[in-house]
């Protein structure tokens, strides 16, 4: 039933980094776990929807996940920009957290990144990008927060290197800094200047993302925005109004309830992600096997998987050549990611 698997109970390797799902709830909890305050992630379906973008402002940065294609060369647009914090990715599967760190350490004037990241920034400030990348790999607080989303490993899988036929995903970031929008890709040697901006840096980033999509094609990608979370400020303001015996506006109560319900929903989803379903699955398979139902179900699953792949290839083929796209993967992929 389980090829290339040895049954057992194995702890997650101490220095390994797990793949993480590109999901706003996952990234919001990850931010909170490393000490970042009053920031949450919102999935963006279109950067051209001005009403949505204006509602989410201020947006501190964008995290873009796309199906990666190794072209075997470095982007010659990389620049030396000492005022831009940039760390190379040298740790496998760390690109999601790496993209967050690269973004956050460029907006410390706008975001309370917490004591852990402040100390990390001070410690790595004089380092070159590659050394910073190695330091991220040994930064226990960040690694533990990242690996808190590791799936239970009741099985020991043989390590496999991704081939051309495998789907490989990569996270990069976009951030405004001193009048310029930068692309922060940990696989490059430095930050990439996307273009100058005056008031609206999102429009500049949108053009770069559209160009990237057109060059790679396909539809398997999504986009997350790092936004200011007003929940704590709203709760404090409500308490002040109550102490003053003033009426709390209905729209404020509704907004607080909306934000609290969203966090509650995300917490529930993350708890389910961490739950160990393996014993239940194994027992279910044993029961189905005893009843002789397993071969037929395997055949149906195999046929459905082949059909799903065929349809996905058709959709990717039809998406190529389109000039403008909306963001958001049908399902948020989690990996593998490039080294």
C-alpha atoms as a PDB file:
ATOM      1  CA  UNK A   1       0.000   0.000   0.000  1.00  0.00           C
ATOM      2  CA  UNK A   2       2.777   2.435   0.950  1.00  0.00           C
ATOM      3  CA  UNK A   3       5.744   2.215  -1.477  1.00  0.00           C
ATOM      4  CA  UNK A   4       9.096   3.675  -0.360  1.00  0.00           C
ATOM      5  CA  UNK A   5       7.822   4.061   3.215  1.00  0.00           C
ATOM      6  CA  UNK A   6       8.971   2.514   6.456  1.00  0.00           C
ATOM      7  CA  UNK A   7       6.365   2.420   9.189  1.00  0.00           C
ATOM      8  CA  UNK A   8       7.361   3.918  12.516  1.00  0.00           C
ATOM      9  CA  UNK A   9       7.233   7.088  14.579  1.00  0.00           C
ATOM     10  CA  UNK A  10      10.038   9.522  13.782  1.00  0.00           C
ATOM     11  CA  UNK A  11      10.530  13.070  15.110  1.00  0.00           C
ATOM     12  CA  UNK A  12      10.972  15.853  12.590  1.00  0.00           C
ATOM     13  CA  UNK A  13      14.674  16.364  11.884  1.00  0.00           C
ATOM     14  CA  UNK A  14      15.991  19.096  14.125  1.00  0.00           C
ATOM     15  CA  UNK A  15      17.707  21.186  11.453  1.00  0.00           C
ATOM     16  CA  UNK A  16      15.217  20.459   8.664  1.00  0.00           C
ATOM     17  CA  UNK A  17      12.598  22.886   7.436  1.00  0.00           C
ATOM     18  CA  UNK A  18       9.165  21.599   6.459  1.00  0.00           C
ATOM     19  CA  UNK A  19       7.126  22.798   3.491  1.00  0.00           C
ATOM     20  CA  UNK A  20       4.361  25.226   4.480  1.00  0.00           C
ATOM     21  CA  UNK A  21       1.081  25.973   2.791  1.00  0.00           C
ATOM     22  CA  UNK A  22       0.584  29.334   1.120  1.00  0.00           C
ATOM     23  CA  UNK A  23      -2.431  30.268   3.198  1.00  0.00           C
ATOM     24  CA  UNK A  24      -3.242  33.578   4.928  1.00  0.00           C
ATOM     25  CA  UNK A  25      -4.053  31.808   8.207  1.00  0.00           C
ATOM     26  CA  UNK A  26      -0.753  29.928   8.198  1.00  0.00           C
ATOM     27  CA  UNK A  27       1.316  33.015   7.429  1.00  0.00           C
ATOM     28  CA  UNK A  28      -0.573  35.164   9.945  1.00  0.00           C
ATOM     29  CA  UNK A  29       0.103  32.670  12.743  1.00  0.00           C
ATOM     30  CA  UNK A  30       3.721  32.376  11.614  1.00  0.00           C
ATOM     31  CA  UNK A  31       4.106  36.151  11.913  1.00  0.00           C
ATOM     32  CA  UNK A  32       2.580  36.123  15.380  1.00  0.00           C
ATOM     33  CA  UNK A  33       4.769  33.195  16.471  1.00  0.00           C
ATOM     34  CA  UNK A  34       7.982  35.081  15.717  1.00  0.00           C
ATOM     35  CA  UNK A  35       6.760  38.161  17.593  1.00  0.00           C
ATOM     36  CA  UNK A  36       5.398  40.411  14.836  1.00  0.00           C
ATOM     37  CA  UNK A  37       2.552  42.586  16.130  1.00  0.00           C
ATOM     38  CA  UNK A  38      -0.562  43.930  14.429  1.00  0.00           C
ATOM     39  CA  UNK A  39       0.109  42.418  10.998  1.00  0.00           C
ATOM     40  CA  UNK A  40      -1.946  39.817   9.186  1.00  0.00           C
ATOM     41  CA  UNK A  41      -1.936  38.269   5.715  1.00  0.00           C
ATOM     42  CA  UNK A  42      -4.729  38.633   3.207  1.00  0.00           C
ATOM     43  CA  UNK A  43      -5.084  36.630   0.005  1.00  0.00           C
ATOM     44  CA  UNK A  44      -5.285  38.885  -3.049  1.00  0.00           C
ATOM     45  CA  UNK A  45      -7.242  37.885  -6.125  1.00  0.00           C
ATOM     46  CA  UNK A  46      -6.482  40.963  -8.224  1.00  0.00           C
ATOM     47  CA  UNK A  47      -4.146  43.907  -7.707  1.00  0.00           C
ATOM     48  CA  UNK A  48      -6.286  45.870 -10.141  1.00  0.00           C
ATOM     49  CA  UNK A  49      -9.348  45.839  -7.866  1.00  0.00           C
ATOM     50  CA  UNK A  50      -8.808  49.301  -6.419  1.00  0.00           C
ATOM     51  CA  UNK A  51     -11.691  49.027  -3.960  1.00  0.00           C
ATOM     52  CA  UNK A  52     -10.180  45.931  -2.337  1.00  0.00           C
ATOM     53  CA  UNK A  53      -6.647  47.344  -2.345  1.00  0.00           C
ATOM     54  CA  UNK A  54      -7.794  50.626  -0.769  1.00  0.00           C
ATOM     55  CA  UNK A  55      -9.693  48.690   1.914  1.00  0.00           C
ATOM     56  CA  UNK A  56      -6.548  46.736   2.823  1.00  0.00           C
ATOM     57  CA  UNK A  57      -4.160  49.683   3.018  1.00  0.00           C
ATOM     58  CA  UNK A  58      -1.611  50.079   4.397  1.00  0.00           C
ATOM     59  CA  UNK A  59      -0.043  47.106   2.619  1.00  0.00           C
ATOM     60  CA  UNK A  60       3.547  46.609   3.789  1.00  0.00           C
ATOM     61  CA  UNK A  61       4.602  43.983   1.238  1.00  0.00           C
ATOM     62  CA  UNK A  62       3.490  41.186  -1.081  1.00  0.00           C
ATOM     63  CA  UNK A  63       4.412  37.490  -0.990  1.00  0.00           C
ATOM     64  CA  UNK A  64       4.058  35.801  -4.382  1.00  0.00           C
ATOM     65  CA  UNK A  65       4.031  32.016  -4.795  1.00  0.00           C
ATOM     66  CA  UNK A  66       4.441  30.546  -8.268  1.00  0.00           C
ATOM     67  CA  UNK A  67       5.336  27.322 -10.002  1.00  0.00           C
ATOM     68  CA  UNK A  68       9.101  27.548 -10.276  1.00  0.00           C
ATOM     69  CA  UNK A  69      11.050  26.824 -13.434  1.00  0.00           C
ATOM     70  CA  UNK A  70      14.820  26.685 -13.096  1.00  0.00           C
ATOM     71  CA  UNK A  71      16.381  28.551 -16.000  1.00  0.00           C
ATOM     72  CA  UNK A  72      19.888  27.808 -14.770  1.00  0.00           C
ATOM     73  CA  UNK A  73      21.045  31.421 -14.547  1.00  0.00           C
ATOM     74  CA  UNK A  74      20.976  34.411 -12.220  1.00  0.00           C
ATOM     75  CA  UNK A  75      18.849  37.449 -12.979  1.00  0.00           C
ATOM     76  CA  UNK A  76      21.234  40.151 -14.218  1.00  0.00           C
ATOM     77  CA  UNK A  77      18.903  42.839 -12.849  1.00  0.00           C
ATOM     78  CA  UNK A  78      20.133  42.199  -9.284  1.00  0.00           C
ATOM     79  CA  UNK A  79      21.632  45.337  -7.786  1.00  0.00           C
ATOM     80  CA  UNK A  80      23.848  46.247  -4.873  1.00  0.00           C
ATOM     81  CA  UNK A  81      21.507  48.103  -2.523  1.00  0.00           C
ATOM     82  CA  UNK A  82      23.028  48.296   0.972  1.00  0.00           C
ATOM     83  CA  UNK A  83      19.951  50.088   2.321  1.00  0.00           C
ATOM     84  CA  UNK A  84      17.757  47.088   1.367  1.00  0.00           C
ATOM     85  CA  UNK A  85      17.872  44.128   3.733  1.00  0.00           C
ATOM     86  CA  UNK A  86      18.356  40.962   1.690  1.00  0.00           C
ATOM     87  CA  UNK A  87      19.228  37.381   2.644  1.00  0.00           C
ATOM     88  CA  UNK A  88      19.836  34.588   0.141  1.00  0.00           C
ATOM     89  CA  UNK A  89      17.978  31.319   0.483  1.00  0.00           C
ATOM     90  CA  UNK A  90      20.410  28.554   1.330  1.00  0.00           C
ATOM     91  CA  UNK A  91      17.999  26.370   3.340  1.00  0.00           C
ATOM     92  CA  UNK A  92      15.692  23.924   1.547  1.00  0.00           C
ATOM     93  CA  UNK A  93      11.948  24.655   1.965  1.00  0.00           C
ATOM     94  CA  UNK A  94      12.612  27.930   3.809  1.00  0.00           C
ATOM     95  CA  UNK A  95      11.615  30.277   0.976  1.00  0.00           C
ATOM     96  CA  UNK A  96       8.180  31.156   2.449  1.00  0.00           C
ATOM     97  CA  UNK A  97       9.566  32.233   5.812  1.00  0.00           C
ATOM     98  CA  UNK A  98      12.595  33.758   4.088  1.00  0.00           C
ATOM     99  CA  UNK A  99      10.314  35.932   1.941  1.00  0.00           C
ATOM    100  CA  UNK A 100       8.532  37.143   5.085  1.00  0.00           C
ATOM    101  CA  UNK A 101      11.798  37.979   6.856  1.00  0.00           C
ATOM    102  CA  UNK A 102      13.191  39.847   3.854  1.00  0.00           C
ATOM    103  CA  UNK A 103       9.989  41.879   3.661  1.00  0.00           C
ATOM    104  CA  UNK A 104       9.623  42.587   7.372  1.00  0.00           C
ATOM    105  CA  UNK A 105      13.215  43.728   7.896  1.00  0.00           C
ATOM    106  CA  UNK A 106      12.705  46.376   5.209  1.00  0.00           C
ATOM    107  CA  UNK A 107       9.635  47.900   6.890  1.00  0.00           C
ATOM    108  CA  UNK A 108      10.775  48.093  10.522  1.00  0.00           C
ATOM    109  CA  UNK A 109       9.905  51.810  10.459  1.00  0.00           C
ATOM    110  CA  UNK A 110       6.237  50.855   9.902  1.00  0.00           C
ATOM    111  CA  UNK A 111       5.887  47.447  11.591  1.00  0.00           C
ATOM    112  CA  UNK A 112       6.646  46.239  15.124  1.00  0.00           C
ATOM    113  CA  UNK A 113       8.622  43.117  14.196  1.00  0.00           C
ATOM    114  CA  UNK A 114       9.191  42.118  17.813  1.00  0.00           C
ATOM    115  CA  UNK A 115      12.359  41.537  19.852  1.00  0.00           C
ATOM    116  CA  UNK A 116      13.488  38.315  18.131  1.00  0.00           C
ATOM    117  CA  UNK A 117      13.607  39.806  14.629  1.00  0.00           C
ATOM    118  CA  UNK A 118      15.085  43.059  15.932  1.00  0.00           C
ATOM    119  CA  UNK A 119      17.974  41.141  17.513  1.00  0.00           C
ATOM    120  CA  UNK A 120      18.349  39.066  14.359  1.00  0.00           C
ATOM    121  CA  UNK A 121      18.530  42.191  12.196  1.00  0.00           C
ATOM    122  CA  UNK A 122      21.130  43.802  14.445  1.00  0.00           C
ATOM    123  CA  UNK A 123      23.187  40.586  14.521  1.00  0.00           C
ATOM    124  CA  UNK A 124      23.162  40.124  10.717  1.00  0.00           C
ATOM    125  CA  UNK A 125      23.307  43.762   9.641  1.00  0.00           C
ATOM    126  CA  UNK A 126      26.991  43.668   8.636  1.00  0.00           C
ATOM    127  CA  UNK A 127      26.781  40.227   6.988  1.00  0.00           C
ATOM    128  CA  UNK A 128      26.646  39.506   3.266  1.00  0.00           C
ATOM    129  CA  UNK A 129      23.381  38.023   1.874  1.00  0.00           C
ATOM    130  CA  UNK A 130      24.625  34.424   1.813  1.00  0.00           C
ATOM    131  CA  UNK A 131      25.847  34.518   5.406  1.00  0.00           C
ATOM    132  CA  UNK A 132      22.514  36.002   6.436  1.00  0.00           C
ATOM    133  CA  UNK A 133      20.815  33.053   4.749  1.00  0.00           C
ATOM    134  CA  UNK A 134      22.888  30.564   6.723  1.00  0.00           C
ATOM    135  CA  UNK A 135      22.113  32.498   9.913  1.00  0.00           C
ATOM    136  CA  UNK A 136      18.376  32.208   9.249  1.00  0.00           C
ATOM    137  CA  UNK A 137      18.849  28.435   9.082  1.00  0.00           C
ATOM    138  CA  UNK A 138      20.363  28.377  12.558  1.00  0.00           C
ATOM    139  CA  UNK A 139      17.963  30.898  14.132  1.00  0.00           C
ATOM    140  CA  UNK A 140      16.031  28.590  16.432  1.00  0.00           C
ATOM    141  CA  UNK A 141      13.053  30.865  17.139  1.00  0.00           C
ATOM    142  CA  UNK A 142      12.291  31.263  13.440  1.00  0.00           C
ATOM    143  CA  UNK A 143      12.901  27.608  12.610  1.00  0.00           C
ATOM    144  CA  UNK A 144      10.656  26.389  15.433  1.00  0.00           C
ATOM    145  CA  UNK A 145       7.847  28.734  14.381  1.00  0.00           C
ATOM    146  CA  UNK A 146       8.172  27.558  10.777  1.00  0.00           C
ATOM    147  CA  UNK A 147       8.315  23.874  11.690  1.00  0.00           C
ATOM    148  CA  UNK A 148       5.296  24.143  13.969  1.00  0.00           C
ATOM    149  CA  UNK A 149       3.367  23.524  10.729  1.00  0.00           C
ATOM    150  CA  UNK A 150       5.215  20.269  10.010  1.00  0.00           C
ATOM    151  CA  UNK A 151       2.982  17.302   9.371  1.00  0.00           C
ATOM    152  CA  UNK A 152       3.216  14.374  11.779  1.00  0.00           C
ATOM    153  CA  UNK A 153       5.845  12.006  10.440  1.00  0.00           C
ATOM    154  CA  UNK A 154       4.691   8.560  11.456  1.00  0.00           C
ATOM    155  CA  UNK A 155       6.461   7.376   8.322  1.00  0.00           C
ATOM    156  CA  UNK A 156      10.089   7.785   7.317  1.00  0.00           C
ATOM    157  CA  UNK A 157      10.221   8.689   3.636  1.00  0.00           C
ATOM    158  CA  UNK A 158      13.266   8.232   1.479  1.00  0.00           C
ATOM    159  CA  UNK A 159      14.526  11.637   0.429  1.00  0.00           C
ATOM    160  CA  UNK A 160      13.798  12.511  -3.162  1.00  0.00           C
ATOM    161  CA  UNK A 161      15.352  15.236  -5.296  1.00  0.00           C
ATOM    162  CA  UNK A 162      12.816  17.108  -7.415  1.00  0.00           C
ATOM    163  CA  UNK A 163      12.972  16.333 -11.147  1.00  0.00           C
ATOM    164  CA  UNK A 164      11.683  18.227 -14.182  1.00  0.00           C
ATOM    165  CA  UNK A 165       8.378  16.357 -13.908  1.00  0.00           C
ATOM    166  CA  UNK A 166       7.766  17.459 -10.304  1.00  0.00           C
ATOM    167  CA  UNK A 167       5.817  20.572  -9.363  1.00  0.00           C
ATOM    168  CA  UNK A 168       8.215  22.898  -7.557  1.00  0.00           C
ATOM    169  CA  UNK A 169       7.035  26.160  -5.983  1.00  0.00           C
ATOM    170  CA  UNK A 170       8.882  29.250  -4.861  1.00  0.00           C
ATOM    171  CA  UNK A 171       8.047  32.293  -2.705  1.00  0.00           C
ATOM    172  CA  UNK A 172       9.365  35.775  -3.452  1.00  0.00           C
ATOM    173  CA  UNK A 173       8.536  39.184  -2.010  1.00  0.00           C
ATOM    174  CA  UNK A 174       7.797  42.695  -3.250  1.00  0.00           C
ATOM    175  CA  UNK A 175       8.394  45.684  -1.014  1.00  0.00           C
ATOM    176  CA  UNK A 176       8.529  49.494  -1.366  1.00  0.00           C
ATOM    177  CA  UNK A 177      11.700  51.131  -0.074  1.00  0.00           C
ATOM    178  CA  UNK A 178      12.803  54.761  -0.424  1.00  0.00           C
ATOM    179  CA  UNK A 179      10.769  55.438  -3.560  1.00  0.00           C
ATOM    180  CA  UNK A 180      11.651  52.174  -5.317  1.00  0.00           C
ATOM    181  CA  UNK A 181       9.824  48.840  -5.501  1.00  0.00           C
ATOM    182  CA  UNK A 182      12.120  45.854  -5.034  1.00  0.00           C
ATOM    183  CA  UNK A 183      11.672  42.182  -5.827  1.00  0.00           C
ATOM    184  CA  UNK A 184      13.284  40.042  -3.130  1.00  0.00           C
ATOM    185  CA  UNK A 185      14.042  36.569  -4.452  1.00  0.00           C
ATOM    186  CA  UNK A 186      16.250  34.508  -2.159  1.00  0.00           C
ATOM    187  CA  UNK A 187      17.579  32.504  -5.115  1.00  0.00           C
ATOM    188  CA  UNK A 188      19.104  35.628  -6.674  1.00  0.00           C
ATOM    189  CA  UNK A 189      22.321  37.318  -5.611  1.00  0.00           C
ATOM    190  CA  UNK A 190      20.611  40.531  -4.538  1.00  0.00           C
ATOM    191  CA  UNK A 191      17.416  42.619  -4.628  1.00  0.00           C
ATOM    192  CA  UNK A 192      15.974  43.540  -8.026  1.00  0.00           C
ATOM    193  CA  UNK A 193      14.768  47.064  -8.803  1.00  0.00           C
ATOM    194  CA  UNK A 194      11.277  46.846 -10.285  1.00  0.00           C
ATOM    195  CA  UNK A 195      10.639  50.550 -10.726  1.00  0.00           C
ATOM    196  CA  UNK A 196      10.156  53.872  -8.923  1.00  0.00           C
ATOM    197  CA  UNK A 197       6.863  54.932  -7.400  1.00  0.00           C
ATOM    198  CA  UNK A 198       5.378  58.079  -5.911  1.00  0.00           C
ATOM    199  CA  UNK A 199       2.053  57.244  -4.269  1.00  0.00           C
ATOM    200  CA  UNK A 200       1.002  53.785  -5.490  1.00  0.00           C
ATOM    201  CA  UNK A 201       3.702  51.122  -5.248  1.00  0.00           C
ATOM    202  CA  UNK A 202       1.141  48.335  -5.732  1.00  0.00           C
ATOM    203  CA  UNK A 203       0.643  49.285  -9.399  1.00  0.00           C
ATOM    204  CA  UNK A 204       4.402  48.984 -10.009  1.00  0.00           C
ATOM    205  CA  UNK A 205       4.535  45.571  -8.332  1.00  0.00           C
ATOM    206  CA  UNK A 206       1.501  44.445 -10.332  1.00  0.00           C
ATOM    207  CA  UNK A 207       3.272  45.063 -13.631  1.00  0.00           C
ATOM    208  CA  UNK A 208       6.245  42.954 -12.507  1.00  0.00           C
ATOM    209  CA  UNK A 209       4.016  40.096 -11.354  1.00  0.00           C
ATOM    210  CA  UNK A 210       2.067  40.169 -14.613  1.00  0.00           C
ATOM    211  CA  UNK A 211       5.332  39.971 -16.564  1.00  0.00           C
ATOM    212  CA  UNK A 212       6.523  37.055 -14.460  1.00  0.00           C
ATOM    213  CA  UNK A 213       3.256  35.241 -15.028  1.00  0.00           C
ATOM    214  CA  UNK A 214       3.424  35.820 -18.787  1.00  0.00           C
ATOM    215  CA  UNK A 215       6.978  34.480 -18.971  1.00  0.00           C
ATOM    216  CA  UNK A 216       6.265  31.309 -16.994  1.00  0.00           C
ATOM    217  CA  UNK A 217       2.616  30.713 -17.899  1.00  0.00           C
ATOM    218  CA  UNK A 218       0.283  28.450 -15.949  1.00  0.00           C
ATOM    219  CA  UNK A 219      -2.287  29.227 -13.287  1.00  0.00           C
ATOM    220  CA  UNK A 220      -0.838  27.602 -10.191  1.00  0.00           C
ATOM    221  CA  UNK A 221       0.174  30.534  -8.045  1.00  0.00           C
ATOM    222  CA  UNK A 222      -1.204  32.875  -5.411  1.00  0.00           C
ATOM    223  CA  UNK A 223      -0.520  36.205  -3.768  1.00  0.00           C
ATOM    224  CA  UNK A 224      -0.612  37.299  -0.128  1.00  0.00           C
ATOM    225  CA  UNK A 225      -0.490  40.868   1.164  1.00  0.00           C
ATOM    226  CA  UNK A 226       1.016  41.854   4.523  1.00  0.00           C
ATOM    227  CA  UNK A 227      -1.499  44.287   5.983  1.00  0.00           C
ATOM    228  CA  UNK A 228      -1.990  46.232   9.185  1.00  0.00           C
ATOM    229  CA  UNK A 229      -4.250  44.394  11.625  1.00  0.00           C
ATOM    230  CA  UNK A 230      -6.452  46.991  13.369  1.00  0.00           C
ATOM    231  CA  UNK A 231      -7.948  44.534  15.884  1.00  0.00           C
ATOM    232  CA  UNK A 232      -5.895  45.529  18.932  1.00  0.00           C
ATOM    233  CA  UNK A 233      -6.388  49.238  18.284  1.00  0.00           C
ATOM    234  CA  UNK A 234     -10.130  48.787  17.820  1.00  0.00           C
ATOM    235  CA  UNK A 235     -10.461  46.737  21.019  1.00  0.00           C
ATOM    236  CA  UNK A 236      -8.494  49.356  22.986  1.00  0.00           C
ATOM    237  CA  UNK A 237     -10.624  52.148  21.517  1.00  0.00           C
ATOM    238  CA  UNK A 238     -13.811  50.266  22.424  1.00  0.00           C
ATOM    239  CA  UNK A 239     -12.608  49.867  26.010  1.00  0.00           C
ATOM    240  CA  UNK A 240     -11.809  53.587  26.223  1.00  0.00           C
ATOM    241  CA  UNK A 241     -15.308  54.423  24.974  1.00  0.00           C
ATOM    242  CA  UNK A 242     -16.865  52.099  27.525  1.00  0.00           C
ATOM    243  CA  UNK A 243     -14.840  53.630  30.357  1.00  0.00           C
ATOM    244  CA  UNK A 244     -16.060  57.061  29.269  1.00  0.00           C
ATOM    245  CA  UNK A 245     -19.661  55.738  29.230  1.00  0.00           C
ATOM    246  CA  UNK A 246     -19.789  56.576  25.515  1.00  0.00           C
ATOM    247  CA  UNK A 247     -21.702  54.584  22.949  1.00  0.00           C
ATOM    248  CA  UNK A 248     -19.636  52.161  20.859  1.00  0.00           C
ATOM    249  CA  UNK A 249     -20.477  52.600  17.149  1.00  0.00           C
ATOM    250  CA  UNK A 250     -22.160  49.584  15.573  1.00  0.00           C
ATOM    251  CA  UNK A 251     -19.706  49.499  12.687  1.00  0.00           C
ATOM    252  CA  UNK A 252     -16.820  49.230  15.190  1.00  0.00           C
ATOM    253  CA  UNK A 253     -18.466  46.300  16.966  1.00  0.00           C
ATOM    254  CA  UNK A 254     -19.103  44.623  13.610  1.00  0.00           C
ATOM    255  CA  UNK A 255     -15.482  45.074  12.504  1.00  0.00           C
ATOM    256  CA  UNK A 256     -14.112  43.695  15.777  1.00  0.00           C
ATOM    257  CA  UNK A 257     -16.413  40.676  15.524  1.00  0.00           C
ATOM    258  CA  UNK A 258     -15.388  40.099  11.900  1.00  0.00           C
ATOM    259  CA  UNK A 259     -11.676  40.176  12.734  1.00  0.00           C
ATOM    260  CA  UNK A 260     -12.079  37.947  15.799  1.00  0.00           C
ATOM    261  CA  UNK A 261     -14.135  35.393  13.867  1.00  0.00           C
ATOM    262  CA  UNK A 262     -11.530  35.280  11.119  1.00  0.00           C
ATOM    263  CA  UNK A 263      -8.740  34.620  13.610  1.00  0.00           C
ATOM    264  CA  UNK A 264     -10.857  31.958  15.302  1.00  0.00           C
ATOM    265  CA  UNK A 265     -11.451  30.274  11.928  1.00  0.00           C
ATOM    266  CA  UNK A 266      -7.749  30.372  11.064  1.00  0.00           C
ATOM    267  CA  UNK A 267      -6.793  28.943  14.467  1.00  0.00           C
ATOM    268  CA  UNK A 268      -9.198  26.048  13.939  1.00  0.00           C
ATOM    269  CA  UNK A 269      -7.826  25.358  10.452  1.00  0.00           C
ATOM    270  CA  UNK A 270      -4.243  25.434  11.734  1.00  0.00           C
ATOM    271  CA  UNK A 271      -5.136  23.021  14.540  1.00  0.00           C
ATOM    272  CA  UNK A 272      -6.487  20.627  11.938  1.00  0.00           C
ATOM    273  CA  UNK A 273      -3.326  21.009   9.867  1.00  0.00           C
ATOM    274  CA  UNK A 274      -1.271  19.925  12.880  1.00  0.00           C
ATOM    275  CA  UNK A 275      -3.520  17.050  13.878  1.00  0.00           C
ATOM    276  CA  UNK A 276      -2.148  13.545  13.374  1.00  0.00           C
ATOM    277  CA  UNK A 277      -4.617  11.753  11.086  1.00  0.00           C
ATOM    278  CA  UNK A 278      -2.253   8.864  10.273  1.00  0.00           C
ATOM    279  CA  UNK A 279      -3.596   6.341  12.847  1.00  0.00           C
ATOM    280  CA  UNK A 280      -7.154   6.930  11.615  1.00  0.00           C
ATOM    281  CA  UNK A 281      -6.105   6.560   7.964  1.00  0.00           C
ATOM    282  CA  UNK A 282      -4.155   3.358   8.625  1.00  0.00           C
ATOM    283  CA  UNK A 283      -7.077   1.824  10.512  1.00  0.00           C
ATOM    284  CA  UNK A 284      -9.490   2.820   7.733  1.00  0.00           C
ATOM    285  CA  UNK A 285      -7.246   1.216   5.107  1.00  0.00           C
ATOM    286  CA  UNK A 286      -7.044  -1.987   7.136  1.00  0.00           C
ATOM    287  CA  UNK A 287     -10.842  -2.177   7.386  1.00  0.00           C
ATOM    288  CA  UNK A 288     -11.281  -1.529   3.664  1.00  0.00           C
ATOM    289  CA  UNK A 289      -8.658  -4.157   2.884  1.00  0.00           C
ATOM    290  CA  UNK A 290     -10.395  -6.748   5.061  1.00  0.00           C
ATOM    291  CA  UNK A 291     -13.655  -6.073   3.202  1.00  0.00           C
ATOM    292  CA  UNK A 292     -11.959  -6.380  -0.196  1.00  0.00           C
ATOM    293  CA  UNK A 293     -12.927  -2.827  -1.144  1.00  0.00           C
ATOM    294  CA  UNK A 294      -9.410  -1.379  -1.382  1.00  0.00           C
ATOM    295  CA  UNK A 295      -8.370  -2.480  -4.933  1.00  0.00           C
ATOM    296  CA  UNK A 296     -11.447  -0.901  -6.507  1.00  0.00           C
ATOM    297  CA  UNK A 297     -11.006   2.335  -4.599  1.00  0.00           C
ATOM    298  CA  UNK A 298      -7.327   2.512  -5.584  1.00  0.00           C
ATOM    299  CA  UNK A 299      -8.279   2.052  -9.239  1.00  0.00           C
ATOM    300  CA  UNK A 300     -10.876   4.836  -9.041  1.00  0.00           C
ATOM    301  CA  UNK A 301      -8.411   7.152  -7.280  1.00  0.00           C
ATOM    302  CA  UNK A 302      -5.747   6.441  -9.914  1.00  0.00           C
ATOM    303  CA  UNK A 303      -8.143   7.242 -12.738  1.00  0.00           C
ATOM    304  CA  UNK A 304      -9.371  10.417 -11.031  1.00  0.00           C
ATOM    305  CA  UNK A 305      -5.793  11.612 -10.442  1.00  0.00           C
ATOM    306  CA  UNK A 306      -4.925  11.080 -14.108  1.00  0.00           C
ATOM    307  CA  UNK A 307      -8.047  12.984 -15.174  1.00  0.00           C
ATOM    308  CA  UNK A 308      -7.314  15.849 -12.766  1.00  0.00           C
ATOM    309  CA  UNK A 309      -3.780  16.158 -14.135  1.00  0.00           C
ATOM    310  CA  UNK A 310      -5.073  16.159 -17.710  1.00  0.00           C
ATOM    311  CA  UNK A 311      -7.538  18.955 -16.908  1.00  0.00           C
ATOM    312  CA  UNK A 312      -4.875  20.946 -15.055  1.00  0.00           C
ATOM    313  CA  UNK A 313      -2.577  20.742 -18.096  1.00  0.00           C
ATOM    314  CA  UNK A 314      -5.407  21.931 -20.324  1.00  0.00           C
ATOM    315  CA  UNK A 315      -6.118  24.886 -18.033  1.00  0.00           C
ATOM    316  CA  UNK A 316      -2.439  25.838 -17.888  1.00  0.00           C
ATOM    317  CA  UNK A 317      -2.226  25.628 -21.667  1.00  0.00           C
ATOM    318  CA  UNK A 318      -5.254  27.858 -22.148  1.00  0.00           C
ATOM    319  CA  UNK A 319      -3.912  30.359 -19.587  1.00  0.00           C
ATOM    320  CA  UNK A 320      -0.645  30.922 -21.472  1.00  0.00           C
ATOM    321  CA  UNK A 321      -0.557  34.091 -23.490  1.00  0.00           C
ATOM    322  CA  UNK A 322      -3.162  35.921 -21.457  1.00  0.00           C
ATOM    323  CA  UNK A 323      -1.976  39.437 -20.709  1.00  0.00           C
ATOM    324  CA  UNK A 324      -3.830  40.144 -17.469  1.00  0.00           C
ATOM    325  CA  UNK A 325      -4.624  37.644 -14.744  1.00  0.00           C
ATOM    326  CA  UNK A 326      -6.239  37.469 -11.347  1.00  0.00           C
ATOM    327  CA  UNK A 327      -4.413  35.877  -8.451  1.00  0.00           C
ATOM    328  CA  UNK A 328      -5.249  32.938  -6.209  1.00  0.00           C
ATOM    329  CA  UNK A 329      -4.507  29.277  -6.726  1.00  0.00           C
ATOM    330  CA  UNK A 330      -7.349  26.776  -6.819  1.00  0.00           C
ATOM    331  CA  UNK A 331      -5.543  25.203  -3.918  1.00  0.00           C
ATOM    332  CA  UNK A 332      -2.602  26.772  -2.142  1.00  0.00           C
ATOM    333  CA  UNK A 333       0.420  24.565  -2.888  1.00  0.00           C
ATOM    334  CA  UNK A 334       2.921  23.794  -0.193  1.00  0.00           C
ATOM    335  CA  UNK A 335       5.922  22.366  -2.017  1.00  0.00           C
ATOM    336  CA  UNK A 336       8.426  21.069  -2.691  1.00  0.00           C
ATOM    337  CA  UNK A 337      10.404  24.277  -2.976  1.00  0.00           C
ATOM    338  CA  UNK A 338      13.760  24.837  -4.717  1.00  0.00           C
ATOM    339  CA  UNK A 339      17.003  24.815  -2.739  1.00  0.00           C
END
